[in-house]
Amino acid sequence: MSFEIHERLERLAGQMRREIAPAVDDDYQRTQTHMAGVILQRLAREVALGARHRAAEIADVEALVSRLEEIIGSEETSSPVAPEDVRTALAGLRGEPCMTSLAPLVEVLYRWGPDRDPVVAALDEIRAVLRRDIDRRMEVAQ
């Protein structure tokens, strides 16, 4: 019988918490063994959910780029006209669709003016994507 890596990690984590930790006499070492089991359990969840979460992240960011191009304009659209640094940051996000790539875009949007209607709308879209990312990360932590 062959198990996936996340299943093996999960089984090892359970064994550490239920069998090995209680058998350790020293309180400190028992606690450390139990915590090692907790860490293994979290790693198992990350391995099990990782590919699905990464695919969802890429899809979210790609959809966000399309929406932001509508909101703040792109080289192909004429309205509204966004400064070049906003367009550059948006192009960078298109080239590397991940959550960490959002930071430069958010920075230039705030420099452009957080009170502008396109910036407010863009930041609302970004917040929604970030919220979904947080929800995915919490799925691992549960």
C-alpha atoms as a PDB file:
ATOM      1  CA  MET A   1       0.000   0.000   0.000  1.00  0.00           C
ATOM      2  CA  SER A   2       1.490   3.307  -1.107  1.00  0.00           C
ATOM      3  CA  PHE A   3       0.586   6.636   0.490  1.00  0.00           C
ATOM      4  CA  GLU A   4       0.966  10.142  -0.828  1.00  0.00           C
ATOM      5  CA  ILE A   5       3.571  12.249   0.969  1.00  0.00           C
ATOM      6  CA  HIS A   6       0.919  14.308   2.779  1.00  0.00           C
ATOM      7  CA  GLU A   7      -0.721  11.114   4.037  1.00  0.00           C
ATOM      8  CA  ARG A   8       2.602   9.828   5.348  1.00  0.00           C
ATOM      9  CA  LEU A   9       3.313  13.121   7.092  1.00  0.00           C
ATOM     10  CA  GLU A  10      -0.174  13.116   8.618  1.00  0.00           C
ATOM     11  CA  ARG A  11       0.265   9.572   9.911  1.00  0.00           C
ATOM     12  CA  LEU A  12       3.680  10.399  11.367  1.00  0.00           C
ATOM     13  CA  ALA A  13       2.278  13.526  13.017  1.00  0.00           C
ATOM     14  CA  GLY A  14      -0.519  11.546  14.640  1.00  0.00           C
ATOM     15  CA  GLN A  15       1.879   8.882  15.803  1.00  0.00           C
ATOM     16  CA  MET A  16       4.168  11.485  17.360  1.00  0.00           C
ATOM     17  CA  ARG A  17       1.304  13.145  19.232  1.00  0.00           C
ATOM     18  CA  ARG A  18      -0.582  10.014  20.308  1.00  0.00           C
ATOM     19  CA  GLU A  19       2.173   7.453  20.856  1.00  0.00           C
ATOM     20  CA  ILE A  20       5.646   8.945  21.065  1.00  0.00           C
ATOM     21  CA  ALA A  21       5.011  12.153  23.041  1.00  0.00           C
ATOM     22  CA  PRO A  22       3.065  10.445  25.862  1.00  0.00           C
ATOM     23  CA  ALA A  23       5.874   7.885  26.221  1.00  0.00           C
ATOM     24  CA  VAL A  24       8.529  10.557  26.860  1.00  0.00           C
ATOM     25  CA  ASP A  25       9.204  11.083  30.567  1.00  0.00           C
ATOM     26  CA  ASP A  26      10.679  14.578  30.538  1.00  0.00           C
ATOM     27  CA  ASP A  27       7.998  17.318  30.367  1.00  0.00           C
ATOM     28  CA  TYR A  28      10.031  19.581  28.098  1.00  0.00           C
ATOM     29  CA  GLN A  29      10.919  16.799  25.658  1.00  0.00           C
ATOM     30  CA  ARG A  30       7.316  15.532  25.660  1.00  0.00           C
ATOM     31  CA  THR A  31       6.108  19.023  24.771  1.00  0.00           C
ATOM     32  CA  GLN A  32       8.722  19.360  22.037  1.00  0.00           C
ATOM     33  CA  THR A  33       7.752  15.972  20.587  1.00  0.00           C
ATOM     34  CA  HIS A  34       4.084  16.930  20.616  1.00  0.00           C
ATOM     35  CA  MET A  35       4.863  20.236  18.879  1.00  0.00           C
ATOM     36  CA  ALA A  36       6.938  18.432  16.264  1.00  0.00           C
ATOM     37  CA  GLY A  37       3.825  16.392  15.529  1.00  0.00           C
ATOM     38  CA  VAL A  38       1.775  19.578  15.192  1.00  0.00           C
ATOM     39  CA  ILE A  39       4.344  21.005  12.770  1.00  0.00           C
ATOM     40  CA  LEU A  40       4.316  17.805  10.709  1.00  0.00           C
ATOM     41  CA  GLN A  41       0.529  17.960  10.566  1.00  0.00           C
ATOM     42  CA  ARG A  42       0.667  21.513   9.224  1.00  0.00           C
ATOM     43  CA  LEU A  43       3.279  20.503   6.647  1.00  0.00           C
ATOM     44  CA  ALA A  44       1.015  17.657   5.575  1.00  0.00           C
ATOM     45  CA  ARG A  45      -1.820  20.123   4.979  1.00  0.00           C
ATOM     46  CA  GLU A  46       0.454  22.452   3.031  1.00  0.00           C
ATOM     47  CA  VAL A  47       1.588  19.594   0.817  1.00  0.00           C
ATOM     48  CA  ALA A  48      -1.977  18.367   0.286  1.00  0.00           C
ATOM     49  CA  LEU A  49      -3.385  21.808  -0.539  1.00  0.00           C
ATOM     50  CA  GLY A  50      -0.345  23.448  -2.114  1.00  0.00           C
ATOM     51  CA  ALA A  51      -0.974  22.724  -5.786  1.00  0.00           C
ATOM     52  CA  ARG A  52      -4.654  23.648  -5.578  1.00  0.00           C
ATOM     53  CA  HIS A  53      -3.872  26.855  -3.680  1.00  0.00           C
ATOM     54  CA  ARG A  54      -1.163  27.885  -6.136  1.00  0.00           C
ATOM     55  CA  ALA A  55      -3.493  27.305  -9.079  1.00  0.00           C
ATOM     56  CA  ALA A  56      -6.191  29.390  -7.360  1.00  0.00           C
ATOM     57  CA  GLU A  57      -3.669  32.148  -6.635  1.00  0.00           C
ATOM     58  CA  ILE A  58      -2.565  32.295 -10.276  1.00  0.00           C
ATOM     59  CA  ALA A  59      -6.180  32.328 -11.481  1.00  0.00           C
ATOM     60  CA  ASP A  60      -7.078  35.089  -8.999  1.00  0.00           C
ATOM     61  CA  VAL A  61      -4.152  37.263 -10.030  1.00  0.00           C
ATOM     62  CA  GLU A  62      -4.721  36.740 -13.752  1.00  0.00           C
ATOM     63  CA  ALA A  63      -8.402  37.668 -13.369  1.00  0.00           C
ATOM     64  CA  LEU A  64      -7.352  40.651 -11.251  1.00  0.00           C
ATOM     65  CA  VAL A  65      -4.991  41.873 -13.967  1.00  0.00           C
ATOM     66  CA  SER A  66      -7.800  41.749 -16.521  1.00  0.00           C
ATOM     67  CA  ARG A  67     -10.135  43.622 -14.196  1.00  0.00           C
ATOM     68  CA  LEU A  68      -7.500  46.218 -13.315  1.00  0.00           C
ATOM     69  CA  GLU A  69      -6.776  46.837 -16.984  1.00  0.00           C
ATOM     70  CA  GLU A  70     -10.456  47.721 -17.368  1.00  0.00           C
ATOM     71  CA  ILE A  71     -10.436  49.935 -14.265  1.00  0.00           C
ATOM     72  CA  ILE A  72      -7.158  51.833 -14.553  1.00  0.00           C
ATOM     73  CA  GLY A  73      -6.513  51.457 -18.234  1.00  0.00           C
ATOM     74  CA  SER A  74      -3.855  49.658 -20.156  1.00  0.00           C
ATOM     75  CA  GLU A  75      -1.766  50.471 -23.175  1.00  0.00           C
ATOM     76  CA  GLU A  76      -4.560  49.069 -25.339  1.00  0.00           C
ATOM     77  CA  THR A  77      -7.284  51.206 -23.729  1.00  0.00           C
ATOM     78  CA  SER A  78      -7.418  54.957 -23.727  1.00  0.00           C
ATOM     79  CA  SER A  79      -9.489  55.680 -20.619  1.00  0.00           C
ATOM     80  CA  PRO A  80      -8.801  56.307 -17.893  1.00  0.00           C
ATOM     81  CA  VAL A  81      -5.234  57.310 -18.501  1.00  0.00           C
ATOM     82  CA  ALA A  82      -2.943  55.893 -15.844  1.00  0.00           C
ATOM     83  CA  PRO A  83       0.619  57.063 -15.211  1.00  0.00           C
ATOM     84  CA  GLU A  84       3.386  54.993 -16.756  1.00  0.00           C
ATOM     85  CA  ASP A  85       4.567  53.594 -13.391  1.00  0.00           C
ATOM     86  CA  VAL A  86       1.072  52.185 -12.764  1.00  0.00           C
ATOM     87  CA  ARG A  87       1.076  50.525 -16.165  1.00  0.00           C
ATOM     88  CA  THR A  88       4.588  49.175 -15.560  1.00  0.00           C
ATOM     89  CA  ALA A  89       3.556  47.688 -12.205  1.00  0.00           C
ATOM     90  CA  LEU A  90       0.489  46.140 -13.820  1.00  0.00           C
ATOM     91  CA  ALA A  91       2.651  44.642 -16.571  1.00  0.00           C
ATOM     92  CA  GLY A  92       4.947  43.216 -13.898  1.00  0.00           C
ATOM     93  CA  LEU A  93       1.983  41.583 -12.234  1.00  0.00           C
ATOM     94  CA  ARG A  94       0.979  40.057 -15.561  1.00  0.00           C
ATOM     95  CA  GLY A  95       4.482  38.625 -15.943  1.00  0.00           C
ATOM     96  CA  GLU A  96       4.585  37.147 -12.437  1.00  0.00           C
ATOM     97  CA  PRO A  97       1.068  36.261 -11.252  1.00  0.00           C
ATOM     98  CA  CYS A  98       1.506  35.863  -7.492  1.00  0.00           C
ATOM     99  CA  MET A  99       0.352  37.696  -4.386  1.00  0.00           C
ATOM    100  CA  THR A 100       3.780  39.126  -3.577  1.00  0.00           C
ATOM    101  CA  SER A 101       3.800  40.841  -6.972  1.00  0.00           C
ATOM    102  CA  LEU A 102       0.855  42.977  -5.843  1.00  0.00           C
ATOM    103  CA  ALA A 103       3.008  45.119  -3.533  1.00  0.00           C
ATOM    104  CA  PRO A 104       4.633  47.329  -6.212  1.00  0.00           C
ATOM    105  CA  LEU A 105       1.244  47.887  -7.840  1.00  0.00           C
ATOM    106  CA  VAL A 106      -0.398  48.913  -4.574  1.00  0.00           C
ATOM    107  CA  GLU A 107       2.496  51.273  -3.872  1.00  0.00           C
ATOM    108  CA  VAL A 108       2.202  53.088  -7.204  1.00  0.00           C
ATOM    109  CA  LEU A 109      -1.577  53.220  -6.941  1.00  0.00           C
ATOM    110  CA  TYR A 110      -1.268  55.068  -3.638  1.00  0.00           C
ATOM    111  CA  ARG A 111       1.295  57.408  -5.178  1.00  0.00           C
ATOM    112  CA  TRP A 112      -1.082  58.079  -8.064  1.00  0.00           C
ATOM    113  CA  GLY A 113      -3.706  59.147  -5.549  1.00  0.00           C
ATOM    114  CA  PRO A 114      -5.810  57.046  -3.175  1.00  0.00           C
ATOM    115  CA  ASP A 115      -8.756  59.423  -3.653  1.00  0.00           C
ATOM    116  CA  ARG A 116      -9.034  58.904  -7.416  1.00  0.00           C
ATOM    117  CA  ASP A 117     -11.997  56.795  -8.483  1.00  0.00           C
ATOM    118  CA  PRO A 118      -9.954  54.289 -10.539  1.00  0.00           C
ATOM    119  CA  VAL A 119      -7.530  53.816  -7.633  1.00  0.00           C
ATOM    120  CA  VAL A 120     -10.346  53.252  -5.138  1.00  0.00           C
ATOM    121  CA  ALA A 121     -11.935  50.684  -7.456  1.00  0.00           C
ATOM    122  CA  ALA A 122      -8.568  48.987  -8.111  1.00  0.00           C
ATOM    123  CA  LEU A 123      -7.766  48.773  -4.404  1.00  0.00           C
ATOM    124  CA  ASP A 124     -11.196  47.258  -3.732  1.00  0.00           C
ATOM    125  CA  GLU A 125     -10.483  44.564  -6.326  1.00  0.00           C
ATOM    126  CA  ILE A 126      -7.038  43.910  -4.825  1.00  0.00           C
ATOM    127  CA  ARG A 127      -8.502  43.627  -1.302  1.00  0.00           C
ATOM    128  CA  ALA A 128     -10.961  40.983  -2.492  1.00  0.00           C
ATOM    129  CA  VAL A 129      -8.148  38.915  -4.003  1.00  0.00           C
ATOM    130  CA  LEU A 130      -6.032  39.287  -0.860  1.00  0.00           C
ATOM    131  CA  ARG A 131      -8.996  38.177   1.276  1.00  0.00           C
ATOM    132  CA  ARG A 132      -9.320  34.982  -0.771  1.00  0.00           C
ATOM    133  CA  ASP A 133      -5.583  34.404  -0.325  1.00  0.00           C
ATOM    134  CA  ILE A 134      -5.923  34.797   3.447  1.00  0.00           C
ATOM    135  CA  ASP A 135      -8.827  32.335   3.428  1.00  0.00           C
ATOM    136  CA  ARG A 136      -6.679  29.794   1.596  1.00  0.00           C
ATOM    137  CA  ARG A 137      -3.851  30.259   4.100  1.00  0.00           C
ATOM    138  CA  MET A 138      -6.287  29.800   6.971  1.00  0.00           C
ATOM    139  CA  GLU A 139      -7.430  26.526   5.425  1.00  0.00           C
ATOM    140  CA  VAL A 140      -3.890  25.248   6.013  1.00  0.00           C
ATOM    141  CA  ALA A 141      -3.828  26.566   9.575  1.00  0.00           C
ATOM    142  CA  GLN A 142      -7.066  24.874  10.646  1.00  0.00           C
END
